[in-house]
Amino acid sequence: FLILLSTTSAYGLYPISTLLDLDPSASQLPTLSTSTLTFLYLTVGTFLSSASANAFNMLLEPKYDAMMSRTRTRPLVRGLVSRYGAVVFAIASGVIGVSLLYVGTNPTVAALSGGNIILYGFIYTPMKRIHVINTWIGAVVGAIPPMMGWVAAEGLTATTGHDSWKDMLFSKESIGGWLLAAVLFAWQFPHFNSLSHLIREEYKAAGHQMMAWVNPARNARVSLRYSVLMFPIAFGVWYIGIVNNLFLVSSTFANGWLVWEAYKFWKYQGGKGSARGLFWASVWQLPIFLVGALVTKKGVWDGVW
């Protein structure tokens, strides 16, 4: 759900003027009909790609999933799905998902999705048993979906000769995508570090190299650091002009709550319920941030007023 929310929110935040045009004749413009269809392709393609990545992750870890309460009820662990069936599902959902993104959005989005399946399933997953840097790799995985949504919308206004992957990712128009990707990158740390603290002994028993037990002090410090980073990122989203001033109110509320809980998590090193408090703050902070951005997008309320 959160992956789809981050992807589709980024898609919706991209400033395409015709989407806000109040002229009834605008309904006949290709941009409007294409954007609706592209949205559907983006949503289904991202959903299937995410399913594929998760399936590959579970295929590689049933032995270790069985050791943890959080994962021991997964289908492969319980024998509800055969390994052959899981392989077929993982490959099929990945191929179909990436293909839908290629056909319905643009090649850059499809490449980002395909690369993310590989990054999550075959780099992040085995890295969990090697080094704590796996958390940073996982944060990159989380940062790519909003970039996919932004680039999908960006492709709607691209012109022939200016639609390469470099144009999609490294142009002035791509700044918003990078900022939204930064939101998801930073969010991973307070969210996952607090979660892993709650089950750190299980991670240790399963042999997963997580900061929660390898270096608890660093685990809390990193959570606080990236929570604070949400403030300048939110300011950047406002500064580039895609949202109005009210976004600073909603984002400050969400980010302030997150930082307060991250501070307590750091101060008490996860004790006194601070780990659970930070986890739930992170669960709510992201939807408030993204939905708040959509509600305060410039031009959205013009028709109402």
C-alpha atoms as a PDB file:
ATOM      1  CA  PHE A   1       0.000   0.000   0.000  1.00  0.00           C
ATOM      2  CA  LEU A   2       2.723   2.471   0.958  1.00  0.00           C
ATOM      3  CA  ILE A   3       4.719   1.667  -2.182  1.00  0.00           C
ATOM      4  CA  LEU A   4       1.682   2.357  -4.372  1.00  0.00           C
ATOM      5  CA  LEU A   5       0.871   5.480  -2.369  1.00  0.00           C
ATOM      6  CA  SER A   6       4.362   6.876  -2.857  1.00  0.00           C
ATOM      7  CA  THR A   7       4.302   6.062  -6.587  1.00  0.00           C
ATOM      8  CA  THR A   8       0.843   7.393  -7.399  1.00  0.00           C
ATOM      9  CA  SER A   9       1.258  10.447  -5.148  1.00  0.00           C
ATOM     10  CA  ALA A  10       4.375  11.440  -7.054  1.00  0.00           C
ATOM     11  CA  TYR A  11       2.474  10.930 -10.306  1.00  0.00           C
ATOM     12  CA  GLY A  12      -0.345  13.141  -9.086  1.00  0.00           C
ATOM     13  CA  LEU A  13       1.983  15.868  -7.830  1.00  0.00           C
ATOM     14  CA  TYR A  14       3.672  16.409 -11.182  1.00  0.00           C
ATOM     15  CA  PRO A  15       2.517  19.820 -12.460  1.00  0.00           C
ATOM     16  CA  ILE A  16       0.765  19.313 -15.813  1.00  0.00           C
ATOM     17  CA  SER A  17      -1.186  22.475 -16.531  1.00  0.00           C
ATOM     18  CA  THR A  18      -3.862  20.854 -18.717  1.00  0.00           C
ATOM     19  CA  LEU A  19      -4.886  18.612 -15.833  1.00  0.00           C
ATOM     20  CA  LEU A  20      -5.960  21.760 -13.985  1.00  0.00           C
ATOM     21  CA  ASP A  21      -7.583  23.467 -16.977  1.00  0.00           C
ATOM     22  CA  LEU A  22     -11.182  24.446 -16.204  1.00  0.00           C
ATOM     23  CA  ASP A  23     -12.119  24.794 -19.876  1.00  0.00           C
ATOM     24  CA  PRO A  24     -14.574  21.953 -20.732  1.00  0.00           C
ATOM     25  CA  SER A  25     -12.825  21.521 -24.074  1.00  0.00           C
ATOM     26  CA  ALA A  26      -9.756  20.381 -22.141  1.00  0.00           C
ATOM     27  CA  SER A  27     -11.464  17.020 -21.634  1.00  0.00           C
ATOM     28  CA  GLN A  28     -10.775  16.330 -25.306  1.00  0.00           C
ATOM     29  CA  LEU A  29      -7.048  16.890 -24.979  1.00  0.00           C
ATOM     30  CA  PRO A  30      -4.876  13.770 -25.387  1.00  0.00           C
ATOM     31  CA  THR A  31      -2.941  14.687 -22.254  1.00  0.00           C
ATOM     32  CA  LEU A  32      -5.996  14.154 -20.064  1.00  0.00           C
ATOM     33  CA  SER A  33      -7.091  10.809 -21.497  1.00  0.00           C
ATOM     34  CA  THR A  34      -3.518   9.582 -21.672  1.00  0.00           C
ATOM     35  CA  SER A  35      -2.830  10.544 -18.076  1.00  0.00           C
ATOM     36  CA  THR A  36      -5.776   8.493 -16.801  1.00  0.00           C
ATOM     37  CA  LEU A  37      -4.687   5.434 -18.768  1.00  0.00           C
ATOM     38  CA  THR A  38      -1.067   5.965 -17.764  1.00  0.00           C
ATOM     39  CA  PHE A  39      -2.159   6.101 -14.132  1.00  0.00           C
ATOM     40  CA  LEU A  40      -3.776   2.672 -14.455  1.00  0.00           C
ATOM     41  CA  TYR A  41      -0.735   1.191 -16.163  1.00  0.00           C
ATOM     42  CA  LEU A  42       1.502   2.727 -13.505  1.00  0.00           C
ATOM     43  CA  THR A  43      -0.572   1.384 -10.621  1.00  0.00           C
ATOM     44  CA  VAL A  44      -0.966  -2.178 -11.914  1.00  0.00           C
ATOM     45  CA  GLY A  45       2.622  -2.351 -13.204  1.00  0.00           C
ATOM     46  CA  THR A  46       4.037  -1.139  -9.898  1.00  0.00           C
ATOM     47  CA  PHE A  47       1.826  -3.509  -7.910  1.00  0.00           C
ATOM     48  CA  LEU A  48       2.977  -6.544  -9.925  1.00  0.00           C
ATOM     49  CA  SER A  49       6.620  -5.457  -9.835  1.00  0.00           C
ATOM     50  CA  SER A  50       6.417  -5.105  -6.067  1.00  0.00           C
ATOM     51  CA  ALA A  51       4.817  -8.546  -5.826  1.00  0.00           C
ATOM     52  CA  SER A  52       7.647  -9.992  -7.896  1.00  0.00           C
ATOM     53  CA  ALA A  53      10.351  -8.415  -5.735  1.00  0.00           C
ATOM     54  CA  ASN A  54       8.711  -9.691  -2.551  1.00  0.00           C
ATOM     55  CA  ALA A  55       8.315 -13.169  -4.011  1.00  0.00           C
ATOM     56  CA  PHE A  56      12.006 -13.349  -4.923  1.00  0.00           C
ATOM     57  CA  ASN A  57      12.832 -12.157  -1.413  1.00  0.00           C
ATOM     58  CA  MET A  58      10.771 -14.959   0.120  1.00  0.00           C
ATOM     59  CA  LEU A  59      12.233 -17.533  -2.259  1.00  0.00           C
ATOM     60  CA  LEU A  60      15.715 -16.788  -0.965  1.00  0.00           C
ATOM     61  CA  GLU A  61      14.874 -16.769   2.738  1.00  0.00           C
ATOM     62  CA  PRO A  62      12.347 -19.437   3.817  1.00  0.00           C
ATOM     63  CA  LYS A  63      14.886 -20.974   6.195  1.00  0.00           C
ATOM     64  CA  TYR A  64      15.465 -17.648   7.951  1.00  0.00           C
ATOM     65  CA  ASP A  65      11.855 -16.497   7.696  1.00  0.00           C
ATOM     66  CA  ALA A  66      10.889 -19.536   9.743  1.00  0.00           C
ATOM     67  CA  MET A  67      13.059 -18.251  12.614  1.00  0.00           C
ATOM     68  CA  MET A  68      11.194 -14.968  13.053  1.00  0.00           C
ATOM     69  CA  SER A  69       7.683 -14.270  14.321  1.00  0.00           C
ATOM     70  CA  ARG A  70       7.288 -11.486  11.773  1.00  0.00           C
ATOM     71  CA  THR A  71       7.870 -13.793   8.805  1.00  0.00           C
ATOM     72  CA  ARG A  72       7.158 -17.338   9.918  1.00  0.00           C
ATOM     73  CA  THR A  73       3.597 -17.260   8.521  1.00  0.00           C
ATOM     74  CA  ARG A  74       4.722 -16.525   4.958  1.00  0.00           C
ATOM     75  CA  PRO A  75       3.401 -18.942   2.282  1.00  0.00           C
ATOM     76  CA  LEU A  76       6.685 -20.727   1.523  1.00  0.00           C
ATOM     77  CA  VAL A  77       7.467 -21.224   5.194  1.00  0.00           C
ATOM     78  CA  ARG A  78       4.068 -22.827   5.793  1.00  0.00           C
ATOM     79  CA  GLY A  79       4.224 -24.884   2.617  1.00  0.00           C
ATOM     80  CA  LEU A  80       1.140 -23.257   1.147  1.00  0.00           C
ATOM     81  CA  VAL A  81       3.002 -22.562  -2.098  1.00  0.00           C
ATOM     82  CA  SER A  82       5.630 -24.769  -3.749  1.00  0.00           C
ATOM     83  CA  ARG A  83       9.020 -23.321  -4.685  1.00  0.00           C
ATOM     84  CA  TYR A  84       8.204 -24.002  -8.330  1.00  0.00           C
ATOM     85  CA  GLY A  85       4.930 -22.123  -8.013  1.00  0.00           C
ATOM     86  CA  ALA A  86       6.690 -19.227  -6.265  1.00  0.00           C
ATOM     87  CA  VAL A  87       9.326 -19.030  -9.018  1.00  0.00           C
ATOM     88  CA  VAL A  88       6.641 -18.975 -11.713  1.00  0.00           C
ATOM     89  CA  PHE A  89       4.722 -16.291  -9.831  1.00  0.00           C
ATOM     90  CA  ALA A  90       7.818 -14.155  -9.224  1.00  0.00           C
ATOM     91  CA  ILE A  91       8.951 -14.272 -12.851  1.00  0.00           C
ATOM     92  CA  ALA A  92       5.466 -13.859 -14.330  1.00  0.00           C
ATOM     93  CA  SER A  93       4.473 -10.931 -12.136  1.00  0.00           C
ATOM     94  CA  GLY A  94       7.817  -9.251 -12.763  1.00  0.00           C
ATOM     95  CA  VAL A  95       7.687  -9.663 -16.529  1.00  0.00           C
ATOM     96  CA  ILE A  96       4.053  -8.572 -16.770  1.00  0.00           C
ATOM     97  CA  GLY A  97       4.543  -5.662 -14.369  1.00  0.00           C
ATOM     98  CA  VAL A  98       7.612  -4.257 -16.115  1.00  0.00           C
ATOM     99  CA  SER A  99       6.013  -4.825 -19.532  1.00  0.00           C
ATOM    100  CA  LEU A 100       2.913  -2.871 -18.511  1.00  0.00           C
ATOM    101  CA  LEU A 101       5.113  -0.021 -17.344  1.00  0.00           C
ATOM    102  CA  TYR A 102       7.053  -0.101 -20.614  1.00  0.00           C
ATOM    103  CA  VAL A 103       3.915  -0.047 -22.757  1.00  0.00           C
ATOM    104  CA  GLY A 104       1.791   2.271 -20.615  1.00  0.00           C
ATOM    105  CA  THR A 105       4.292   4.777 -19.182  1.00  0.00           C
ATOM    106  CA  ASN A 106       7.779   5.007 -20.693  1.00  0.00           C
ATOM    107  CA  PRO A 107      10.989   2.926 -20.912  1.00  0.00           C
ATOM    108  CA  THR A 108      12.683   4.832 -18.079  1.00  0.00           C
ATOM    109  CA  VAL A 109       9.933   3.886 -15.612  1.00  0.00           C
ATOM    110  CA  ALA A 110      10.107   0.257 -16.755  1.00  0.00           C
ATOM    111  CA  ALA A 111      13.894   0.243 -16.318  1.00  0.00           C
ATOM    112  CA  LEU A 112      13.607   1.715 -12.818  1.00  0.00           C
ATOM    113  CA  SER A 113      11.082  -0.963 -11.880  1.00  0.00           C
ATOM    114  CA  GLY A 114      13.090  -3.829 -13.344  1.00  0.00           C
ATOM    115  CA  GLY A 115      16.231  -2.557 -11.662  1.00  0.00           C
ATOM    116  CA  ASN A 116      14.419  -2.296  -8.352  1.00  0.00           C
ATOM    117  CA  ILE A 117      13.271  -5.923  -8.532  1.00  0.00           C
ATOM    118  CA  ILE A 118      16.906  -6.955  -8.958  1.00  0.00           C
ATOM    119  CA  LEU A 119      18.123  -4.550  -6.265  1.00  0.00           C
ATOM    120  CA  TYR A 120      15.599  -5.771  -3.695  1.00  0.00           C
ATOM    121  CA  GLY A 121      15.497  -9.446  -4.519  1.00  0.00           C
ATOM    122  CA  PHE A 122      19.134 -10.165  -5.330  1.00  0.00           C
ATOM    123  CA  ILE A 123      21.235  -7.465  -3.660  1.00  0.00           C
ATOM    124  CA  TYR A 124      19.375  -6.217  -0.590  1.00  0.00           C
ATOM    125  CA  THR A 125      18.103  -9.665   0.422  1.00  0.00           C
ATOM    126  CA  PRO A 126      21.489 -11.466   0.572  1.00  0.00           C
ATOM    127  CA  MET A 127      23.186  -8.330   1.944  1.00  0.00           C
ATOM    128  CA  LYS A 128      21.065  -8.603   5.080  1.00  0.00           C
ATOM    129  CA  ARG A 129      23.273 -11.483   6.158  1.00  0.00           C
ATOM    130  CA  ILE A 130      26.527  -9.720   5.352  1.00  0.00           C
ATOM    131  CA  HIS A 131      26.583  -6.084   6.519  1.00  0.00           C
ATOM    132  CA  VAL A 132      24.401  -3.396   8.107  1.00  0.00           C
ATOM    133  CA  ILE A 133      24.720  -1.375   4.896  1.00  0.00           C
ATOM    134  CA  ASN A 134      21.730  -3.447   3.768  1.00  0.00           C
ATOM    135  CA  THR A 135      19.482  -0.837   5.405  1.00  0.00           C
ATOM    136  CA  TRP A 136      20.839   1.881   3.122  1.00  0.00           C
ATOM    137  CA  ILE A 137      20.360  -0.366   0.099  1.00  0.00           C
ATOM    138  CA  GLY A 138      16.804  -1.002   1.239  1.00  0.00           C
ATOM    139  CA  ALA A 139      16.299   2.757   1.515  1.00  0.00           C
ATOM    140  CA  VAL A 140      17.313   3.146  -2.138  1.00  0.00           C
ATOM    141  CA  VAL A 141      14.753   0.470  -3.028  1.00  0.00           C
ATOM    142  CA  GLY A 142      12.098   2.511  -1.245  1.00  0.00           C
ATOM    143  CA  ALA A 143      13.176   5.738  -2.936  1.00  0.00           C
ATOM    144  CA  ILE A 144      12.733   4.443  -6.491  1.00  0.00           C
ATOM    145  CA  PRO A 145       8.880   4.063  -6.592  1.00  0.00           C
ATOM    146  CA  PRO A 146       8.164   7.815  -6.160  1.00  0.00           C
ATOM    147  CA  MET A 147      10.732   8.529  -8.856  1.00  0.00           C
ATOM    148  CA  MET A 148       8.835   6.080 -11.078  1.00  0.00           C
ATOM    149  CA  GLY A 149       5.602   7.971 -10.494  1.00  0.00           C
ATOM    150  CA  TRP A 150       7.203  11.328 -11.219  1.00  0.00           C
ATOM    151  CA  VAL A 151       8.921  10.096 -14.390  1.00  0.00           C
ATOM    152  CA  ALA A 152       5.678   8.487 -15.594  1.00  0.00           C
ATOM    153  CA  ALA A 153       4.000  11.899 -15.419  1.00  0.00           C
ATOM    154  CA  GLU A 154       7.058  13.668 -16.789  1.00  0.00           C
ATOM    155  CA  GLY A 155       6.898  11.461 -19.868  1.00  0.00           C
ATOM    156  CA  LEU A 156       3.440  12.838 -20.703  1.00  0.00           C
ATOM    157  CA  THR A 157       4.926  16.243 -21.509  1.00  0.00           C
ATOM    158  CA  ALA A 158       8.183  15.026 -23.060  1.00  0.00           C
ATOM    159  CA  THR A 159       8.804  15.810 -26.706  1.00  0.00           C
ATOM    160  CA  THR A 160      10.594  13.699 -29.292  1.00  0.00           C
ATOM    161  CA  GLY A 161      14.327  14.051 -28.887  1.00  0.00           C
ATOM    162  CA  HIS A 162      13.953  15.088 -25.257  1.00  0.00           C
ATOM    163  CA  ASP A 163      12.613  11.855 -23.828  1.00  0.00           C
ATOM    164  CA  SER A 164      15.748   9.858 -23.049  1.00  0.00           C
ATOM    165  CA  TRP A 165      16.495   8.493 -19.599  1.00  0.00           C
ATOM    166  CA  LYS A 166      18.868  11.413 -19.046  1.00  0.00           C
ATOM    167  CA  ASP A 167      16.067  13.863 -19.809  1.00  0.00           C
ATOM    168  CA  MET A 168      13.700  11.964 -17.526  1.00  0.00           C
ATOM    169  CA  LEU A 169      16.095  11.746 -14.582  1.00  0.00           C
ATOM    170  CA  PHE A 170      18.530  14.635 -14.857  1.00  0.00           C
ATOM    171  CA  SER A 171      16.625  17.639 -16.136  1.00  0.00           C
ATOM    172  CA  LYS A 172      15.140  20.633 -14.351  1.00  0.00           C
ATOM    173  CA  GLU A 173      11.738  18.932 -14.472  1.00  0.00           C
ATOM    174  CA  SER A 174      13.048  15.926 -12.520  1.00  0.00           C
ATOM    175  CA  ILE A 175      13.918  17.870  -9.340  1.00  0.00           C
ATOM    176  CA  GLY A 176      10.532  17.122  -7.785  1.00  0.00           C
ATOM    177  CA  GLY A 177      11.041  13.416  -8.362  1.00  0.00           C
ATOM    178  CA  TRP A 178      14.382  13.480  -6.586  1.00  0.00           C
ATOM    179  CA  LEU A 179      12.878  15.331  -3.623  1.00  0.00           C
ATOM    180  CA  LEU A 180      10.048  12.814  -3.275  1.00  0.00           C
ATOM    181  CA  ALA A 181      12.575   9.997  -3.607  1.00  0.00           C
ATOM    182  CA  ALA A 182      14.540  11.649  -0.791  1.00  0.00           C
ATOM    183  CA  VAL A 183      11.415  11.589   1.376  1.00  0.00           C
ATOM    184  CA  LEU A 184      11.099   7.825   0.991  1.00  0.00           C
ATOM    185  CA  PHE A 185      14.850   7.284   1.391  1.00  0.00           C
ATOM    186  CA  ALA A 186      14.924   9.174   4.699  1.00  0.00           C
ATOM    187  CA  TRP A 187      11.667   7.627   5.902  1.00  0.00           C
ATOM    188  CA  GLN A 188      13.042   4.085   5.715  1.00  0.00           C
ATOM    189  CA  PHE A 189      15.384   4.640   8.669  1.00  0.00           C
ATOM    190  CA  PRO A 190      13.024   5.710  11.467  1.00  0.00           C
ATOM    191  CA  HIS A 191      10.460   3.217  10.156  1.00  0.00           C
ATOM    192  CA  PHE A 192      12.664   0.155   9.819  1.00  0.00           C
ATOM    193  CA  ASN A 193      15.135   0.902  12.615  1.00  0.00           C
ATOM    194  CA  SER A 194      12.334   1.165  15.150  1.00  0.00           C
ATOM    195  CA  LEU A 195      10.683  -1.984  13.811  1.00  0.00           C
ATOM    196  CA  SER A 196      13.923  -3.952  13.874  1.00  0.00           C
ATOM    197  CA  HIS A 197      14.618  -2.803  17.436  1.00  0.00           C
ATOM    198  CA  LEU A 198      11.399  -4.452  18.593  1.00  0.00           C
ATOM    199  CA  ILE A 199      12.497  -7.831  17.194  1.00  0.00           C
ATOM    200  CA  ARG A 200      16.285  -7.376  17.365  1.00  0.00           C
ATOM    201  CA  GLU A 201      16.855 -10.666  19.157  1.00  0.00           C
ATOM    202  CA  GLU A 202      15.047 -12.531  16.385  1.00  0.00           C
ATOM    203  CA  TYR A 203      17.158 -10.812  13.747  1.00  0.00           C
ATOM    204  CA  LYS A 204      20.254 -11.778  15.710  1.00  0.00           C
ATOM    205  CA  ALA A 205      19.135 -15.399  16.025  1.00  0.00           C
ATOM    206  CA  ALA A 206      18.409 -15.547  12.294  1.00  0.00           C
ATOM    207  CA  GLY A 207      21.836 -14.114  11.484  1.00  0.00           C
ATOM    208  CA  HIS A 208      20.612 -10.898   9.868  1.00  0.00           C
ATOM    209  CA  GLN A 209      23.124  -8.084  10.276  1.00  0.00           C
ATOM    210  CA  MET A 210      20.897  -5.268  11.522  1.00  0.00           C
ATOM    211  CA  MET A 211      22.011  -2.146  13.374  1.00  0.00           C
ATOM    212  CA  ALA A 212      19.338  -2.815  15.982  1.00  0.00           C
ATOM    213  CA  TRP A 213      21.571  -5.473  17.573  1.00  0.00           C
ATOM    214  CA  VAL A 214      24.966  -4.918  15.915  1.00  0.00           C
ATOM    215  CA  ASN A 215      25.141  -1.271  17.031  1.00  0.00           C
ATOM    216  CA  PRO A 216      22.007  -0.129  18.913  1.00  0.00           C
ATOM    217  CA  ALA A 217      23.351   3.376  19.585  1.00  0.00           C
ATOM    218  CA  ARG A 218      23.991   3.938  15.882  1.00  0.00           C
ATOM    219  CA  ASN A 219      20.572   2.511  15.087  1.00  0.00           C
ATOM    220  CA  ALA A 220      18.889   5.199  17.186  1.00  0.00           C
ATOM    221  CA  ARG A 221      21.234   7.957  16.027  1.00  0.00           C
ATOM    222  CA  VAL A 222      20.599   7.230  12.352  1.00  0.00           C
ATOM    223  CA  SER A 223      16.832   7.206  12.964  1.00  0.00           C
ATOM    224  CA  LEU A 224      16.957  10.683  14.489  1.00  0.00           C
ATOM    225  CA  ARG A 225      19.287  12.043  11.814  1.00  0.00           C
ATOM    226  CA  TYR A 226      17.058  11.038   8.898  1.00  0.00           C
ATOM    227  CA  SER A 227      13.908  12.131  10.715  1.00  0.00           C
ATOM    228  CA  VAL A 228      15.327  15.646  11.044  1.00  0.00           C
ATOM    229  CA  LEU A 229      16.228  15.570   7.338  1.00  0.00           C
ATOM    230  CA  MET A 230      12.495  15.510   6.544  1.00  0.00           C
ATOM    231  CA  PHE A 231      12.257  19.235   7.307  1.00  0.00           C
ATOM    232  CA  PRO A 232      14.622  20.520   4.580  1.00  0.00           C
ATOM    233  CA  ILE A 233      13.190  18.001   2.105  1.00  0.00           C
ATOM    234  CA  ALA A 234       9.670  19.283   2.775  1.00  0.00           C
ATOM    235  CA  PHE A 235      10.916  22.838   2.373  1.00  0.00           C
ATOM    236  CA  GLY A 236      12.414  21.852  -0.982  1.00  0.00           C
ATOM    237  CA  VAL A 237       9.089  20.400  -2.177  1.00  0.00           C
ATOM    238  CA  TRP A 238       7.454  23.729  -1.314  1.00  0.00           C
ATOM    239  CA  TYR A 239      10.308  25.814  -2.709  1.00  0.00           C
ATOM    240  CA  ILE A 240      10.132  24.357  -6.230  1.00  0.00           C
ATOM    241  CA  GLY A 241       6.539  25.533  -6.391  1.00  0.00           C
ATOM    242  CA  ILE A 242       4.398  22.423  -6.751  1.00  0.00           C
ATOM    243  CA  VAL A 243       2.523  22.919  -3.456  1.00  0.00           C
ATOM    244  CA  ASN A 244       1.139  25.971  -1.680  1.00  0.00           C
ATOM    245  CA  ASN A 245       1.979  27.407   1.734  1.00  0.00           C
ATOM    246  CA  LEU A 246      -0.454  25.135   3.573  1.00  0.00           C
ATOM    247  CA  PHE A 247       1.827  22.211   2.797  1.00  0.00           C
ATOM    248  CA  LEU A 248       4.355  23.694   5.222  1.00  0.00           C
ATOM    249  CA  VAL A 249       1.720  23.343   7.932  1.00  0.00           C
ATOM    250  CA  SER A 250       0.761  19.724   7.241  1.00  0.00           C
ATOM    251  CA  SER A 251       4.345  18.588   6.651  1.00  0.00           C
ATOM    252  CA  THR A 252       5.614  20.375   9.771  1.00  0.00           C
ATOM    253  CA  PHE A 253       2.986  18.587  11.851  1.00  0.00           C
ATOM    254  CA  ALA A 254       3.903  15.185  10.399  1.00  0.00           C
ATOM    255  CA  ASN A 255       7.654  15.769  10.521  1.00  0.00           C
ATOM    256  CA  GLY A 256       7.532  17.291  14.000  1.00  0.00           C
ATOM    257  CA  TRP A 257       5.735  14.223  15.337  1.00  0.00           C
ATOM    258  CA  LEU A 258       8.291  11.953  13.676  1.00  0.00           C
ATOM    259  CA  VAL A 259      11.280  13.896  15.035  1.00  0.00           C
ATOM    260  CA  TRP A 260       9.835  13.983  18.554  1.00  0.00           C
ATOM    261  CA  GLU A 261       9.388  10.222  18.591  1.00  0.00           C
ATOM    262  CA  ALA A 262      12.846   9.745  17.011  1.00  0.00           C
ATOM    263  CA  TYR A 263      14.340  11.935  19.731  1.00  0.00           C
ATOM    264  CA  LYS A 264      12.764   9.770  22.441  1.00  0.00           C
ATOM    265  CA  PHE A 265      13.938   6.656  20.595  1.00  0.00           C
ATOM    266  CA  TRP A 266      17.488   8.043  20.633  1.00  0.00           C
ATOM    267  CA  LYS A 267      17.279   9.292  24.223  1.00  0.00           C
ATOM    268  CA  TYR A 268      15.975   6.047  25.692  1.00  0.00           C
ATOM    269  CA  GLN A 269      17.710   3.757  23.190  1.00  0.00           C
ATOM    270  CA  GLY A 270      14.385   2.175  22.303  1.00  0.00           C
ATOM    271  CA  GLY A 271      13.243   1.795  25.894  1.00  0.00           C
ATOM    272  CA  LYS A 272      10.101   3.122  27.602  1.00  0.00           C
ATOM    273  CA  GLY A 273       7.980   2.309  24.569  1.00  0.00           C
ATOM    274  CA  SER A 274       9.928   4.725  22.359  1.00  0.00           C
ATOM    275  CA  ALA A 275      10.586   2.144  19.630  1.00  0.00           C
ATOM    276  CA  ARG A 276       6.902   1.382  19.208  1.00  0.00           C
ATOM    277  CA  GLY A 277       6.092   5.080  19.365  1.00  0.00           C
ATOM    278  CA  LEU A 278       8.531   5.873  16.545  1.00  0.00           C
ATOM    279  CA  PHE A 279       7.282   2.972  14.446  1.00  0.00           C
ATOM    280  CA  TRP A 280       3.679   4.157  14.547  1.00  0.00           C
ATOM    281  CA  ALA A 281       4.702   7.765  14.016  1.00  0.00           C
ATOM    282  CA  SER A 282       6.499   6.677  10.837  1.00  0.00           C
ATOM    283  CA  VAL A 283       3.480   4.661   9.685  1.00  0.00           C
ATOM    284  CA  TRP A 284       1.314   7.799   9.836  1.00  0.00           C
ATOM    285  CA  GLN A 285       3.904  10.420   8.892  1.00  0.00           C
ATOM    286  CA  LEU A 286       4.300   9.205   5.320  1.00  0.00           C
ATOM    287  CA  PRO A 287       0.585   9.227   4.357  1.00  0.00           C
ATOM    288  CA  ILE A 288       0.114  12.617   6.049  1.00  0.00           C
ATOM    289  CA  PHE A 289       3.115  14.009   4.159  1.00  0.00           C
ATOM    290  CA  LEU A 290       2.083  12.651   0.754  1.00  0.00           C
ATOM    291  CA  VAL A 291      -1.671  13.188   1.007  1.00  0.00           C
ATOM    292  CA  GLY A 292      -0.981  16.619   2.455  1.00  0.00           C
ATOM    293  CA  ALA A 293       1.103  17.423  -0.605  1.00  0.00           C
ATOM    294  CA  LEU A 294      -1.673  16.253  -2.938  1.00  0.00           C
ATOM    295  CA  VAL A 295      -4.307  18.302  -1.111  1.00  0.00           C
ATOM    296  CA  THR A 296      -2.135  21.419  -1.192  1.00  0.00           C
ATOM    297  CA  LYS A 297      -0.912  21.027  -4.774  1.00  0.00           C
ATOM    298  CA  LYS A 298      -1.054  24.364  -6.558  1.00  0.00           C
ATOM    299  CA  GLY A 299      -4.158  24.707  -8.684  1.00  0.00           C
ATOM    300  CA  VAL A 300      -6.080  21.774  -7.232  1.00  0.00           C
ATOM    301  CA  TRP A 301      -8.650  23.976  -5.474  1.00  0.00           C
ATOM    302  CA  ASP A 302      -9.032  26.562  -8.246  1.00  0.00           C
ATOM    303  CA  GLY A 303     -12.239  24.963  -9.501  1.00  0.00           C
ATOM    304  CA  VAL A 304     -13.777  24.966  -6.033  1.00  0.00           C
ATOM    305  CA  TRP A 305     -13.047  28.610  -5.317  1.00  0.00           C
END
